[in-house]
Each structure stands twice: as structure tokens, then as C-alpha cells.
């Protein structure tokens, strides 16, 4: 389970386009990251599930927002597609956070490991789509 928490943290810390600027989206991602970091300090499964629910709420606030990198896209059709892909990635992360919550509620380490594998794949997609090459 520790591995799952670490990957979820890495996933949300891996979006500098969100966290390094002072956009509304960046603020929500920072809050989300803080919530997930706090899981390391919590022992009880029910308490962890409650924090994951808070993280879900924070993630929902990101749906109407647009990543800074996407905002820079001038081609309207491309920008619309990027926004749709961004929302799709958020939705996939939301589902995984729900699964993570269930894993805590069910005290199921095996399920948490399965979530880890899925998040690893999504993390790579996020890196490709939302991190600007410097």
C-alpha cells in the first residue's frame, strides 16, 4: 500500500504546469498533493479513506479549468481535443481515487497494489501531455 500512496503522490506532483504557476488549477493541484502527502502520516484505514474523499473533491474542482500549456494552444480544434483528453485523464484519476478509497475501506492491500499499476500507466500519459519540455 505504501507503494500506491507514493505513486499517487508522484502523479500529482509530476504536473509542474499545474503546481508551479499561480493559476486556480495550480492551487487545486497543490491542495490535492498536500492531501495525498498527508496519507503517509495517517495510520487508520477509515481516516485515510476520509482524506482520499477530500482529494476527490479537490480533483472535481479541476474539471472546468484548463492547464496552462493547453491555454497556449492556438489551433481551436487541437485545443478542444487537448481539453477533452485532459478531462478524460482527470476522470480516470477520479475513478482510481474512488478505488483507492474502497481499498482503504476494505483494508485491501492487493487492491491498492492494482491501483498502483494503473496509476503508473496514467502517470506516463500525464507526463507526455502536460509537462512542457524545457
N, C-alpha and C. Protein backbone atom coordinates (compact mmCIF):
# COMPACT_ATOMS: atom_id res chain seq x y z
N UNK A 1 0.83 -1.19 0.00
CA UNK A 1 0.00 0.00 0.00
C UNK A 1 0.87 1.25 0.00
N UNK A 2 2.01 1.20 0.66
CA UNK A 2 2.90 2.35 0.69
C UNK A 2 3.30 2.74 -0.73
N UNK A 3 3.49 1.72 -1.56
CA UNK A 3 3.85 1.93 -2.95
C UNK A 3 2.74 2.68 -3.68
N UNK A 4 1.49 2.38 -3.38
CA UNK A 4 0.36 3.06 -4.01
C UNK A 4 0.31 4.53 -3.61
N UNK A 5 0.51 4.81 -2.36
CA UNK A 5 0.49 6.19 -1.89
C UNK A 5 1.61 6.97 -2.56
N UNK A 6 2.78 6.35 -2.65
CA UNK A 6 3.92 7.02 -3.27
C UNK A 6 3.63 7.35 -4.72
N UNK A 7 3.03 6.43 -5.46
CA UNK A 7 2.74 6.69 -6.86
C UNK A 7 1.68 7.76 -7.03
N UNK A 8 0.67 7.73 -6.21
CA UNK A 8 -0.36 8.76 -6.31
C UNK A 8 0.26 10.13 -6.05
N UNK A 9 1.13 10.20 -5.06
CA UNK A 9 1.83 11.46 -4.79
C UNK A 9 2.65 11.88 -6.00
N UNK A 10 3.37 10.94 -6.58
CA UNK A 10 4.20 11.25 -7.74
C UNK A 10 3.35 11.73 -8.90
N UNK A 11 2.20 11.12 -9.06
CA UNK A 11 1.30 11.51 -10.15
C UNK A 11 0.90 12.97 -10.04
N UNK A 12 0.51 13.40 -8.86
CA UNK A 12 0.05 14.77 -8.71
C UNK A 12 1.18 15.77 -8.53
N UNK A 13 2.34 15.29 -8.15
CA UNK A 13 3.50 16.18 -8.08
C UNK A 13 4.17 16.33 -9.43
N UNK A 14 3.83 15.44 -10.36
CA UNK A 14 4.50 15.39 -11.65
C UNK A 14 3.96 16.39 -12.65
N UNK A 15 3.06 17.23 -12.27
CA UNK A 15 2.46 18.18 -13.18
C UNK A 15 2.93 19.60 -12.88
N UNK A 16 4.18 19.93 -13.25
CA UNK A 16 4.63 21.27 -12.95
C UNK A 16 3.80 22.34 -13.61
N UNK A 17 3.19 22.04 -14.75
CA UNK A 17 2.35 23.03 -15.41
C UNK A 17 1.19 23.43 -14.50
N UNK A 18 0.81 22.54 -13.59
CA UNK A 18 -0.27 22.84 -12.66
C UNK A 18 0.27 23.50 -11.41
N UNK A 19 1.29 22.90 -10.81
CA UNK A 19 1.71 23.27 -9.48
C UNK A 19 2.65 24.45 -9.39
N UNK A 20 3.39 24.76 -10.45
CA UNK A 20 4.39 25.80 -10.35
C UNK A 20 3.84 27.19 -10.63
N UNK A 21 2.72 27.27 -11.29
CA UNK A 21 2.17 28.59 -11.54
C UNK A 21 1.13 28.91 -10.49
N UNK A 22 0.65 30.11 -10.52
CA UNK A 22 -0.33 30.52 -9.52
C UNK A 22 -1.74 30.55 -10.11
N UNK A 23 -2.01 29.64 -11.01
CA UNK A 23 -3.34 29.56 -11.58
C UNK A 23 -4.27 28.87 -10.58
N UNK A 24 -5.54 28.99 -10.83
CA UNK A 24 -6.53 28.31 -9.99
C UNK A 24 -6.28 26.80 -10.04
N UNK A 25 -5.99 26.29 -11.22
CA UNK A 25 -5.72 24.86 -11.37
C UNK A 25 -4.49 24.47 -10.56
N UNK A 26 -3.46 25.29 -10.61
CA UNK A 26 -2.26 25.02 -9.83
C UNK A 26 -2.54 24.95 -8.34
N UNK A 27 -3.39 25.85 -7.88
CA UNK A 27 -3.75 25.86 -6.46
C UNK A 27 -4.49 24.59 -6.06
N UNK A 28 -5.43 24.15 -6.93
CA UNK A 28 -6.16 22.92 -6.62
C UNK A 28 -5.23 21.70 -6.63
N UNK A 29 -4.31 21.66 -7.59
CA UNK A 29 -3.38 20.54 -7.65
C UNK A 29 -2.45 20.54 -6.44
N UNK A 30 -2.04 21.72 -6.00
CA UNK A 30 -1.22 21.80 -4.79
C UNK A 30 -1.97 21.29 -3.57
N UNK A 31 -3.24 21.67 -3.46
CA UNK A 31 -4.07 21.20 -2.34
C UNK A 31 -4.23 19.69 -2.40
N UNK A 32 -4.49 19.19 -3.59
CA UNK A 32 -4.65 17.76 -3.79
C UNK A 32 -3.37 17.03 -3.40
N UNK A 33 -2.26 17.56 -3.84
CA UNK A 33 -0.97 16.96 -3.50
C UNK A 33 -0.76 16.93 -1.98
N UNK A 34 -1.10 18.01 -1.31
CA UNK A 34 -0.95 18.07 0.14
C UNK A 34 -1.82 17.04 0.85
N UNK A 35 -3.03 16.88 0.36
CA UNK A 35 -3.92 15.88 0.95
C UNK A 35 -3.33 14.48 0.81
N UNK A 36 -2.84 14.18 -0.38
CA UNK A 36 -2.30 12.85 -0.60
C UNK A 36 -1.00 12.63 0.19
N UNK A 37 -0.20 13.67 0.33
CA UNK A 37 1.01 13.57 1.16
C UNK A 37 0.65 13.25 2.60
N UNK A 38 -0.45 13.81 3.06
CA UNK A 38 -0.84 13.60 4.46
C UNK A 38 -1.18 12.15 4.77
N UNK A 39 -1.46 11.35 3.75
CA UNK A 39 -1.79 9.94 3.98
C UNK A 39 -0.63 9.19 4.63
N UNK A 40 0.59 9.63 4.38
CA UNK A 40 1.76 8.96 4.96
C UNK A 40 1.76 9.05 6.48
N UNK A 41 1.11 10.07 7.02
CA UNK A 41 1.13 10.30 8.46
C UNK A 41 -0.09 9.71 9.17
N UNK A 42 -0.98 9.09 8.41
CA UNK A 42 -2.22 8.56 8.96
C UNK A 42 -2.14 7.05 9.03
N UNK A 43 -2.53 6.50 10.16
CA UNK A 43 -2.45 5.05 10.33
C UNK A 43 -3.76 4.33 10.01
N UNK A 44 -4.88 4.90 10.36
CA UNK A 44 -6.15 4.20 10.24
C UNK A 44 -6.70 4.18 8.82
N UNK A 45 -7.24 3.06 8.42
CA UNK A 45 -7.83 2.92 7.10
C UNK A 45 -9.00 3.89 6.89
N UNK A 46 -9.86 4.01 7.88
CA UNK A 46 -11.02 4.90 7.74
C UNK A 46 -10.59 6.36 7.61
N UNK A 47 -9.57 6.73 8.37
CA UNK A 47 -9.07 8.09 8.29
C UNK A 47 -8.45 8.36 6.92
N UNK A 48 -7.73 7.38 6.39
CA UNK A 48 -7.16 7.52 5.05
C UNK A 48 -8.25 7.65 4.00
N UNK A 49 -9.30 6.87 4.16
CA UNK A 49 -10.42 6.95 3.21
C UNK A 49 -11.05 8.34 3.24
N UNK A 50 -11.14 8.94 4.41
CA UNK A 50 -11.71 10.29 4.53
C UNK A 50 -10.83 11.32 3.80
N UNK A 51 -9.53 11.18 3.92
CA UNK A 51 -8.62 12.09 3.22
C UNK A 51 -8.72 11.89 1.72
N UNK A 52 -8.84 10.66 1.28
CA UNK A 52 -8.99 10.39 -0.15
C UNK A 52 -10.28 11.02 -0.67
N UNK A 53 -11.34 11.01 0.12
CA UNK A 53 -12.59 11.68 -0.29
C UNK A 53 -12.37 13.18 -0.45
N UNK A 54 -11.59 13.78 0.43
CA UNK A 54 -11.26 15.19 0.29
C UNK A 54 -10.47 15.43 -1.00
N UNK A 55 -9.56 14.52 -1.30
CA UNK A 55 -8.77 14.62 -2.53
C UNK A 55 -9.68 14.51 -3.76
N UNK A 56 -10.67 13.64 -3.69
CA UNK A 56 -11.63 13.52 -4.79
C UNK A 56 -12.36 14.85 -5.01
N UNK A 57 -12.78 15.46 -3.92
CA UNK A 57 -13.48 16.75 -4.03
C UNK A 57 -12.59 17.81 -4.66
N UNK A 58 -11.32 17.80 -4.30
CA UNK A 58 -10.38 18.77 -4.87
C UNK A 58 -10.17 18.50 -6.37
N UNK A 59 -10.09 17.24 -6.73
CA UNK A 59 -9.92 16.89 -8.14
C UNK A 59 -11.12 17.33 -8.97
N UNK A 60 -12.31 17.20 -8.42
CA UNK A 60 -13.52 17.62 -9.13
C UNK A 60 -13.46 19.10 -9.48
N UNK A 61 -12.87 19.90 -8.63
CA UNK A 61 -12.75 21.34 -8.88
C UNK A 61 -11.87 21.64 -10.09
N UNK A 62 -11.06 20.68 -10.50
CA UNK A 62 -10.14 20.88 -11.64
C UNK A 62 -10.82 20.69 -12.99
N UNK A 63 -11.94 20.01 -13.03
CA UNK A 63 -12.58 19.70 -14.31
C UNK A 63 -12.90 20.92 -15.17
N UNK A 64 -13.46 22.00 -14.63
CA UNK A 64 -13.78 23.14 -15.51
C UNK A 64 -12.57 24.00 -15.87
N UNK A 65 -11.42 23.71 -15.29
CA UNK A 65 -10.22 24.51 -15.52
C UNK A 65 -9.39 23.92 -16.66
N UNK A 66 -8.49 24.73 -17.21
CA UNK A 66 -7.68 24.30 -18.35
C UNK A 66 -6.21 24.45 -17.98
N UNK A 67 -5.39 23.42 -18.25
CA UNK A 67 -3.95 23.52 -17.98
C UNK A 67 -3.32 24.67 -18.75
N UNK A 68 -2.32 25.30 -18.15
CA UNK A 68 -1.64 26.46 -18.76
C UNK A 68 -1.07 26.11 -20.13
N UNK A 69 -0.50 24.93 -20.26
CA UNK A 69 0.07 24.53 -21.55
C UNK A 69 -1.00 24.45 -22.63
N UNK A 70 -2.16 23.97 -22.28
CA UNK A 70 -3.26 23.88 -23.23
C UNK A 70 -3.79 25.27 -23.58
N UNK A 71 -3.81 26.16 -22.61
CA UNK A 71 -4.26 27.54 -22.86
C UNK A 71 -3.45 28.19 -23.97
N UNK A 72 -2.19 27.82 -24.10
CA UNK A 72 -1.30 28.41 -25.10
C UNK A 72 -1.58 27.91 -26.51
N UNK A 73 -2.34 26.84 -26.64
CA UNK A 73 -2.62 26.26 -27.95
C UNK A 73 -3.52 27.19 -28.75
N UNK A 74 -3.08 27.55 -29.93
CA UNK A 74 -3.83 28.49 -30.76
C UNK A 74 -4.87 27.81 -31.65
N UNK A 75 -4.57 26.64 -32.14
CA UNK A 75 -5.49 25.91 -33.02
C UNK A 75 -6.71 25.46 -32.21
N UNK A 76 -7.89 25.97 -32.58
CA UNK A 76 -9.12 25.73 -31.80
C UNK A 76 -9.47 24.24 -31.73
N UNK A 77 -9.35 23.53 -32.83
CA UNK A 77 -9.69 22.11 -32.84
C UNK A 77 -8.72 21.31 -31.97
N UNK A 78 -7.45 21.63 -32.08
CA UNK A 78 -6.44 20.95 -31.27
C UNK A 78 -6.65 21.26 -29.79
N UNK A 79 -6.94 22.50 -29.49
CA UNK A 79 -7.17 22.90 -28.10
C UNK A 79 -8.38 22.16 -27.53
N UNK A 80 -9.45 22.05 -28.30
CA UNK A 80 -10.64 21.32 -27.84
C UNK A 80 -10.31 19.86 -27.56
N UNK A 81 -9.51 19.26 -28.42
CA UNK A 81 -9.12 17.87 -28.23
C UNK A 81 -8.24 17.72 -26.98
N UNK A 82 -7.33 18.67 -26.77
CA UNK A 82 -6.47 18.63 -25.59
C UNK A 82 -7.29 18.76 -24.31
N UNK A 83 -8.28 19.61 -24.33
CA UNK A 83 -9.15 19.78 -23.16
C UNK A 83 -9.92 18.51 -22.88
N UNK A 84 -10.44 17.88 -23.93
CA UNK A 84 -11.17 16.62 -23.76
C UNK A 84 -10.27 15.54 -23.19
N UNK A 85 -9.04 15.46 -23.68
CA UNK A 85 -8.09 14.46 -23.17
C UNK A 85 -7.74 14.75 -21.71
N UNK A 86 -7.58 16.02 -21.38
CA UNK A 86 -7.30 16.42 -20.00
C UNK A 86 -8.43 15.98 -19.07
N UNK A 87 -9.67 16.25 -19.48
CA UNK A 87 -10.81 15.85 -18.65
C UNK A 87 -10.89 14.33 -18.53
N UNK A 88 -10.56 13.65 -19.60
CA UNK A 88 -10.56 12.19 -19.58
C UNK A 88 -9.52 11.67 -18.57
N UNK A 89 -8.33 12.29 -18.57
CA UNK A 89 -7.30 11.89 -17.62
C UNK A 89 -7.74 12.18 -16.18
N UNK A 90 -8.37 13.33 -15.97
CA UNK A 90 -8.89 13.64 -14.64
C UNK A 90 -9.94 12.61 -14.21
N UNK A 91 -10.81 12.24 -15.14
CA UNK A 91 -11.85 11.26 -14.83
C UNK A 91 -11.25 9.91 -14.46
N UNK A 92 -10.24 9.51 -15.20
CA UNK A 92 -9.58 8.24 -14.89
C UNK A 92 -8.94 8.31 -13.50
N UNK A 93 -8.34 9.45 -13.19
CA UNK A 93 -7.74 9.62 -11.87
C UNK A 93 -8.81 9.62 -10.78
N UNK A 94 -9.96 10.21 -11.08
CA UNK A 94 -11.04 10.23 -10.10
C UNK A 94 -11.51 8.81 -9.78
N UNK A 95 -11.69 8.03 -10.83
CA UNK A 95 -12.11 6.63 -10.63
C UNK A 95 -11.08 5.89 -9.79
N UNK A 96 -9.81 6.11 -10.08
CA UNK A 96 -8.77 5.45 -9.30
C UNK A 96 -8.75 5.92 -7.85
N UNK A 97 -9.03 7.19 -7.63
CA UNK A 97 -9.12 7.67 -6.25
C UNK A 97 -10.30 7.01 -5.53
N UNK A 98 -11.39 6.79 -6.24
CA UNK A 98 -12.54 6.06 -5.65
C UNK A 98 -12.12 4.63 -5.31
N UNK A 99 -11.40 4.00 -6.23
CA UNK A 99 -10.91 2.65 -5.96
C UNK A 99 -9.94 2.65 -4.77
N UNK A 100 -9.14 3.70 -4.68
CA UNK A 100 -8.21 3.82 -3.57
C UNK A 100 -8.96 3.95 -2.25
N UNK A 101 -10.01 4.75 -2.28
CA UNK A 101 -10.87 4.89 -1.09
C UNK A 101 -11.45 3.53 -0.69
N UNK A 102 -11.96 2.80 -1.67
CA UNK A 102 -12.52 1.48 -1.39
C UNK A 102 -11.47 0.53 -0.84
N UNK A 103 -10.26 0.62 -1.37
CA UNK A 103 -9.19 -0.24 -0.86
C UNK A 103 -8.95 0.04 0.62
N UNK A 104 -8.97 1.32 1.00
CA UNK A 104 -8.81 1.65 2.43
C UNK A 104 -9.99 1.16 3.24
N UNK A 105 -11.19 1.38 2.73
CA UNK A 105 -12.38 0.94 3.47
C UNK A 105 -12.44 -0.57 3.64
N UNK A 106 -11.93 -1.28 2.63
CA UNK A 106 -11.93 -2.75 2.68
C UNK A 106 -10.64 -3.32 3.26
N UNK A 107 -9.71 -2.43 3.62
CA UNK A 107 -8.41 -2.85 4.16
C UNK A 107 -7.75 -3.85 3.22
N UNK A 108 -7.80 -3.54 1.92
CA UNK A 108 -7.37 -4.46 0.88
C UNK A 108 -6.07 -3.98 0.24
N UNK A 109 -4.97 -4.52 0.69
CA UNK A 109 -3.65 -4.14 0.16
C UNK A 109 -3.49 -4.57 -1.29
N UNK A 110 -4.04 -5.71 -1.66
CA UNK A 110 -3.93 -6.19 -3.03
C UNK A 110 -4.60 -5.23 -4.01
N UNK A 111 -5.75 -4.72 -3.65
CA UNK A 111 -6.42 -3.74 -4.50
C UNK A 111 -5.58 -2.47 -4.62
N UNK A 112 -4.96 -2.05 -3.54
CA UNK A 112 -4.10 -0.87 -3.58
C UNK A 112 -2.93 -1.09 -4.54
N UNK A 113 -2.39 -2.30 -4.56
CA UNK A 113 -1.31 -2.60 -5.49
C UNK A 113 -1.78 -2.56 -6.94
N UNK A 114 -3.00 -3.03 -7.18
CA UNK A 114 -3.57 -2.96 -8.53
C UNK A 114 -3.73 -1.50 -8.97
N UNK A 115 -4.16 -0.67 -8.06
CA UNK A 115 -4.31 0.76 -8.35
C UNK A 115 -2.94 1.36 -8.69
N UNK A 116 -1.95 0.95 -7.98
CA UNK A 116 -0.59 1.41 -8.26
C UNK A 116 -0.22 1.17 -9.72
N UNK A 117 -0.47 -0.02 -10.20
CA UNK A 117 -0.13 -0.36 -11.58
C UNK A 117 -0.89 0.52 -12.58
N UNK A 118 -2.13 0.77 -12.31
CA UNK A 118 -2.94 1.62 -13.20
C UNK A 118 -2.46 3.07 -13.16
N UNK A 119 -2.13 3.56 -11.99
CA UNK A 119 -1.65 4.93 -11.87
C UNK A 119 -0.30 5.13 -12.55
N UNK A 120 0.50 4.10 -12.54
CA UNK A 120 1.79 4.17 -13.20
C UNK A 120 1.61 4.45 -14.70
N UNK A 121 0.65 3.79 -15.29
CA UNK A 121 0.37 3.99 -16.71
C UNK A 121 -0.15 5.42 -16.96
N UNK A 122 -1.06 5.87 -16.13
CA UNK A 122 -1.62 7.22 -16.29
C UNK A 122 -0.55 8.28 -16.05
N UNK A 123 0.35 8.02 -15.13
CA UNK A 123 1.42 8.97 -14.84
C UNK A 123 2.22 9.25 -16.11
N UNK A 124 2.55 8.20 -16.85
CA UNK A 124 3.30 8.37 -18.09
C UNK A 124 2.52 9.21 -19.10
N UNK A 125 1.23 8.96 -19.20
CA UNK A 125 0.40 9.74 -20.11
C UNK A 125 0.39 11.22 -19.71
N UNK A 126 0.27 11.48 -18.42
CA UNK A 126 0.26 12.85 -17.93
C UNK A 126 1.57 13.57 -18.22
N UNK A 127 2.68 12.85 -18.03
CA UNK A 127 3.98 13.44 -18.32
C UNK A 127 4.07 13.84 -19.78
N UNK A 128 3.62 12.98 -20.65
CA UNK A 128 3.69 13.24 -22.08
C UNK A 128 2.83 14.42 -22.47
N UNK A 129 1.64 14.51 -21.92
CA UNK A 129 0.67 15.51 -22.36
C UNK A 129 0.81 16.86 -21.69
N UNK A 130 1.22 16.92 -20.44
CA UNK A 130 1.08 18.17 -19.69
C UNK A 130 2.36 18.75 -19.12
N UNK A 131 3.50 18.17 -19.45
CA UNK A 131 4.75 18.75 -18.99
C UNK A 131 5.47 19.33 -20.18
N UNK A 132 5.72 20.61 -20.11
CA UNK A 132 6.38 21.32 -21.20
C UNK A 132 7.86 21.00 -21.17
N UNK A 133 8.42 20.63 -22.34
CA UNK A 133 9.85 20.39 -22.43
C UNK A 133 10.60 21.69 -22.28
N UNK A 134 11.61 21.66 -21.44
CA UNK A 134 12.41 22.89 -21.23
C UNK A 134 13.66 22.85 -22.05
